[in-house]
Amino acid sequence: MKSDALGIAIQPCDPAYMPKGPQGQKRPADVIGNAVRVMQIATGEIAEDLPDTGKDYARKGGLIGGPKRAAKLSKKRRVEIAKKAARVRWKRHEST
């Protein structure tokens, strides 16, 4: 859809064009609605929904991916990886 006078694209009023936050959360489209939401959070009427920290997010992935990776590896390969990790740990302690 284009504006005839300006020749720029105009988006129709459609929920798909509503602004979203960095994690995809819905936000009020107008300034007053956003101000009301900030006031509600400040007064404790509603709880602020904060995203998980990156560390927690990575931990969730590791709890899922680690066992899956271990299941795919052969016993011989798992032993090789464990020995290499042990050598690195002991080498680090020897140098201190």
N, C-alpha and C. Protein backbone atom coordinates (compact mmCIF):
# COMPACT_ATOMS: atom_id res chain seq x y z
N MET A 1 0.85 -1.17 0.00
CA MET A 1 0.00 0.00 0.00
C MET A 1 0.90 1.24 0.00
N LYS A 2 0.63 2.21 -0.88
CA LYS A 2 1.46 3.41 -0.96
C LYS A 2 0.61 4.66 -0.79
N SER A 3 1.22 5.67 -0.20
CA SER A 3 0.58 6.97 -0.10
C SER A 3 0.80 7.69 -1.43
N ASP A 4 -0.28 8.20 -2.02
CA ASP A 4 -0.16 8.88 -3.31
C ASP A 4 0.65 10.16 -3.22
N ALA A 5 0.46 10.93 -2.16
CA ALA A 5 1.11 12.23 -2.05
C ALA A 5 2.61 12.10 -1.80
N LEU A 6 3.00 11.20 -0.94
CA LEU A 6 4.40 11.10 -0.55
C LEU A 6 5.16 9.99 -1.27
N GLY A 7 4.46 9.01 -1.78
CA GLY A 7 5.12 7.90 -2.46
C GLY A 7 5.87 6.96 -1.54
N ILE A 8 5.45 6.91 -0.26
CA ILE A 8 6.09 6.00 0.69
C ILE A 8 5.12 4.89 1.07
N ALA A 9 5.67 3.78 1.50
CA ALA A 9 4.83 2.65 1.87
C ALA A 9 4.14 2.92 3.20
N ILE A 10 2.86 2.61 3.24
CA ILE A 10 2.08 2.74 4.47
C ILE A 10 1.61 1.35 4.85
N GLN A 11 1.85 0.95 6.09
CA GLN A 11 1.42 -0.36 6.53
C GLN A 11 -0.01 -0.28 7.05
N PRO A 12 -0.85 -1.22 6.68
CA PRO A 12 -2.23 -1.21 7.17
C PRO A 12 -2.28 -1.53 8.66
N CYS A 13 -3.39 -1.23 9.30
CA CYS A 13 -3.58 -1.54 10.72
C CYS A 13 -3.81 -3.05 10.83
N ASP A 14 -2.76 -3.74 11.18
CA ASP A 14 -2.80 -5.18 11.25
C ASP A 14 -1.95 -5.59 12.45
N PRO A 15 -2.42 -6.54 13.28
CA PRO A 15 -1.64 -6.95 14.45
C PRO A 15 -0.23 -7.44 14.10
N ALA A 16 -0.02 -7.89 12.89
CA ALA A 16 1.30 -8.37 12.49
C ALA A 16 2.32 -7.23 12.47
N TYR A 17 1.86 -6.00 12.35
CA TYR A 17 2.76 -4.84 12.29
C TYR A 17 2.95 -4.16 13.64
N MET A 18 2.42 -4.74 14.71
CA MET A 18 2.57 -4.13 16.03
C MET A 18 4.02 -4.27 16.49
N PRO A 19 4.54 -3.28 17.23
CA PRO A 19 5.93 -3.36 17.68
C PRO A 19 6.12 -4.49 18.67
N LYS A 20 7.28 -5.10 18.63
CA LYS A 20 7.62 -6.19 19.55
C LYS A 20 8.97 -5.89 20.18
N GLY A 21 9.19 -6.47 21.35
CA GLY A 21 10.45 -6.29 22.06
C GLY A 21 11.53 -7.18 21.47
N PRO A 22 12.74 -7.12 22.03
CA PRO A 22 13.85 -7.89 21.50
C PRO A 22 13.63 -9.41 21.55
N GLN A 23 12.88 -9.89 22.54
CA GLN A 23 12.60 -11.32 22.63
C GLN A 23 11.22 -11.65 22.05
N GLY A 24 10.61 -10.71 21.34
CA GLY A 24 9.32 -10.96 20.69
C GLY A 24 8.12 -10.68 21.57
N GLN A 25 8.31 -10.12 22.76
CA GLN A 25 7.18 -9.85 23.62
C GLN A 25 6.36 -8.67 23.08
N LYS A 26 5.07 -8.69 23.36
CA LYS A 26 4.20 -7.63 22.86
C LYS A 26 4.42 -6.36 23.67
N ARG A 27 4.35 -5.25 23.00
CA ARG A 27 4.47 -3.94 23.65
C ARG A 27 3.30 -3.08 23.22
N PRO A 28 2.88 -2.15 24.09
CA PRO A 28 1.84 -1.22 23.66
C PRO A 28 2.34 -0.38 22.49
N ALA A 29 1.45 -0.16 21.51
CA ALA A 29 1.85 0.56 20.30
C ALA A 29 1.93 2.06 20.54
N ASP A 30 1.25 2.56 21.55
CA ASP A 30 1.24 4.01 21.75
C ASP A 30 2.05 4.40 22.99
N VAL A 31 2.41 5.64 23.05
CA VAL A 31 3.23 6.16 24.15
C VAL A 31 2.48 6.12 25.47
N ILE A 32 1.20 6.46 25.46
CA ILE A 32 0.42 6.50 26.69
C ILE A 32 0.26 5.08 27.25
N GLY A 33 0.00 4.11 26.38
CA GLY A 33 -0.12 2.73 26.83
C GLY A 33 1.17 2.24 27.46
N ASN A 34 2.30 2.62 26.88
CA ASN A 34 3.60 2.24 27.43
C ASN A 34 3.82 2.91 28.78
N ALA A 35 3.43 4.17 28.91
CA ALA A 35 3.58 4.89 30.17
C ALA A 35 2.73 4.25 31.27
N VAL A 36 1.53 3.83 30.92
CA VAL A 36 0.66 3.16 31.89
C VAL A 36 1.30 1.85 32.34
N ARG A 37 1.88 1.12 31.42
CA ARG A 37 2.54 -0.15 31.77
C ARG A 37 3.72 0.10 32.71
N VAL A 38 4.52 1.11 32.43
CA VAL A 38 5.66 1.44 33.30
C VAL A 38 5.16 1.81 34.69
N MET A 39 4.07 2.59 34.76
CA MET A 39 3.49 2.99 36.05
C MET A 39 3.00 1.76 36.82
N GLN A 40 2.37 0.81 36.12
CA GLN A 40 1.87 -0.39 36.79
C GLN A 40 3.02 -1.23 37.34
N ILE A 41 4.11 -1.31 36.61
CA ILE A 41 5.28 -2.04 37.09
C ILE A 41 5.88 -1.33 38.30
N ALA A 42 5.98 0.01 38.23
CA ALA A 42 6.58 0.78 39.32
C ALA A 42 5.76 0.70 40.61
N THR A 43 4.43 0.65 40.49
CA THR A 43 3.58 0.59 41.68
C THR A 43 3.34 -0.84 42.16
N GLY A 44 3.78 -1.80 41.40
CA GLY A 44 3.64 -3.19 41.82
C GLY A 44 2.32 -3.83 41.43
N GLU A 45 1.52 -3.18 40.59
CA GLU A 45 0.25 -3.77 40.15
C GLU A 45 0.49 -5.02 39.32
N ILE A 46 1.51 -4.97 38.47
CA ILE A 46 1.86 -6.14 37.67
C ILE A 46 3.35 -6.40 37.84
N ALA A 47 3.76 -7.63 37.63
CA ALA A 47 5.17 -7.99 37.75
C ALA A 47 5.85 -7.80 36.40
N GLU A 48 7.07 -7.33 36.45
CA GLU A 48 7.84 -7.15 35.23
C GLU A 48 8.39 -8.50 34.80
N ASP A 49 8.12 -8.88 33.57
CA ASP A 49 8.59 -10.16 33.08
C ASP A 49 9.93 -9.97 32.39
N LEU A 50 10.99 -10.36 33.10
CA LEU A 50 12.34 -10.21 32.58
C LEU A 50 12.77 -11.51 31.91
N PRO A 51 13.50 -11.41 30.80
CA PRO A 51 13.97 -12.63 30.14
C PRO A 51 15.06 -13.30 30.97
N ASP A 52 15.27 -14.59 30.73
CA ASP A 52 16.35 -15.32 31.40
C ASP A 52 17.69 -14.69 31.03
N THR A 53 18.62 -14.75 31.95
CA THR A 53 19.95 -14.26 31.63
C THR A 53 20.59 -15.22 30.64
N GLY A 54 21.60 -14.79 29.97
CA GLY A 54 22.27 -15.63 28.99
C GLY A 54 22.86 -16.87 29.61
N LYS A 55 23.33 -16.75 30.85
CA LYS A 55 23.94 -17.89 31.53
C LYS A 55 22.89 -18.98 31.78
N ASP A 56 21.71 -18.58 32.24
CA ASP A 56 20.65 -19.55 32.48
C ASP A 56 20.21 -20.21 31.17
N TYR A 57 20.14 -19.40 30.13
CA TYR A 57 19.74 -19.89 28.82
C TYR A 57 20.73 -20.93 28.30
N ALA A 58 22.01 -20.64 28.46
CA ALA A 58 23.05 -21.57 28.02
C ALA A 58 23.02 -22.85 28.83
N ARG A 59 22.74 -22.73 30.12
CA ARG A 59 22.67 -23.92 30.98
C ARG A 59 21.54 -24.83 30.53
N LYS A 60 20.40 -24.25 30.19
CA LYS A 60 19.27 -25.07 29.72
C LYS A 60 19.66 -25.85 28.47
N GLY A 61 20.35 -25.19 27.56
CA GLY A 61 20.80 -25.85 26.34
C GLY A 61 21.80 -26.95 26.62
N GLY A 62 22.71 -26.69 27.57
CA GLY A 62 23.72 -27.68 27.91
C GLY A 62 23.12 -28.91 28.57
N LEU A 63 22.08 -28.70 29.38
CA LEU A 63 21.43 -29.83 30.03
C LEU A 63 20.73 -30.74 29.02
N ILE A 64 20.33 -30.15 27.90
CA ILE A 64 19.67 -30.94 26.85
C ILE A 64 20.72 -31.53 25.92
N GLY A 65 21.65 -30.70 25.45
CA GLY A 65 22.59 -31.12 24.42
C GLY A 65 23.68 -32.06 24.89
N GLY A 66 24.12 -31.93 26.14
CA GLY A 66 25.20 -32.77 26.65
C GLY A 66 24.87 -34.26 26.61
N PRO A 67 23.76 -34.66 27.23
CA PRO A 67 23.40 -36.08 27.19
C PRO A 67 23.14 -36.59 25.77
N LYS A 68 22.56 -35.75 24.92
CA LYS A 68 22.31 -36.17 23.53
C LYS A 68 23.63 -36.42 22.81
N ARG A 69 24.61 -35.54 23.02
CA ARG A 69 25.91 -35.70 22.38
C ARG A 69 26.61 -36.95 22.90
N ALA A 70 26.53 -37.16 24.20
CA ALA A 70 27.17 -38.34 24.79
C ALA A 70 26.54 -39.63 24.26
N ALA A 71 25.25 -39.63 24.01
CA ALA A 71 24.57 -40.83 23.50
C ALA A 71 25.02 -41.15 22.07
N LYS A 72 25.39 -40.11 21.31
CA LYS A 72 25.82 -40.32 19.93
C LYS A 72 27.26 -40.84 19.85
N LEU A 73 28.08 -40.50 20.84
CA LEU A 73 29.49 -40.89 20.80
C LEU A 73 29.70 -42.34 21.21
N SER A 74 30.70 -42.96 20.64
CA SER A 74 31.05 -44.32 21.04
C SER A 74 31.78 -44.27 22.39
N LYS A 75 31.84 -45.41 23.06
CA LYS A 75 32.52 -45.46 24.35
C LYS A 75 33.99 -45.09 24.20
N LYS A 76 34.62 -45.57 23.13
CA LYS A 76 36.03 -45.27 22.89
C LYS A 76 36.26 -43.77 22.75
N ARG A 77 35.41 -43.10 22.00
CA ARG A 77 35.55 -41.64 21.79
C ARG A 77 35.31 -40.88 23.10
N ARG A 78 34.33 -41.32 23.90
CA ARG A 78 34.07 -40.66 25.18
C ARG A 78 35.28 -40.78 26.10
N VAL A 79 35.93 -41.95 26.09
CA VAL A 79 37.12 -42.16 26.91
C VAL A 79 38.25 -41.23 26.45
N GLU A 80 38.43 -41.09 25.13
CA GLU A 80 39.46 -40.20 24.60
C GLU A 80 39.23 -38.76 25.05
N ILE A 81 37.98 -38.32 24.95
CA ILE A 81 37.63 -36.94 25.36
C ILE A 81 37.89 -36.75 26.85
N ALA A 82 37.52 -37.74 27.68
CA ALA A 82 37.72 -37.63 29.12
C ALA A 82 39.20 -37.59 29.48
N LYS A 83 40.02 -38.42 28.80
CA LYS A 83 41.46 -38.42 29.07
C LYS A 83 42.09 -37.08 28.70
N LYS A 84 41.68 -36.53 27.57
CA LYS A 84 42.22 -35.24 27.13
C LYS A 84 41.86 -34.15 28.15
N ALA A 85 40.62 -34.17 28.62
CA ALA A 85 40.18 -33.17 29.60
C ALA A 85 40.96 -33.31 30.90
N ALA A 86 41.22 -34.55 31.32
CA ALA A 86 41.98 -34.78 32.55
C ALA A 86 43.42 -34.28 32.40
N ARG A 87 44.03 -34.53 31.24
CA ARG A 87 45.40 -34.03 31.01
C ARG A 87 45.45 -32.51 31.10
N VAL A 88 44.47 -31.85 30.51
CA VAL A 88 44.44 -30.38 30.55
C VAL A 88 44.28 -29.89 31.98
N ARG A 89 43.39 -30.55 32.75
CA ARG A 89 43.19 -30.13 34.15
C ARG A 89 44.46 -30.31 34.97
N TRP A 90 45.13 -31.45 34.82
CA TRP A 90 46.34 -31.70 35.59
C TRP A 90 47.48 -30.79 35.16
N LYS A 91 47.56 -30.51 33.87
CA LYS A 91 48.61 -29.62 33.37
C LYS A 91 48.45 -28.23 33.98
N ARG A 92 47.22 -27.78 34.11
CA ARG A 92 46.94 -26.47 34.68
C ARG A 92 47.38 -26.42 36.13
N HIS A 93 47.20 -27.50 36.90
CA HIS A 93 47.59 -27.53 38.30
C HIS A 93 49.10 -27.66 38.48
N GLU A 94 49.76 -28.32 37.54
CA GLU A 94 51.21 -28.48 37.63
C GLU A 94 51.94 -27.16 37.44
N SER A 95 51.40 -26.28 36.61
CA SER A 95 52.09 -25.03 36.29
C SER A 95 51.93 -23.99 37.42
N THR A 96 50.99 -24.18 38.35
CA THR A 96 50.81 -23.20 39.43
C THR A 96 51.64 -23.50 40.62
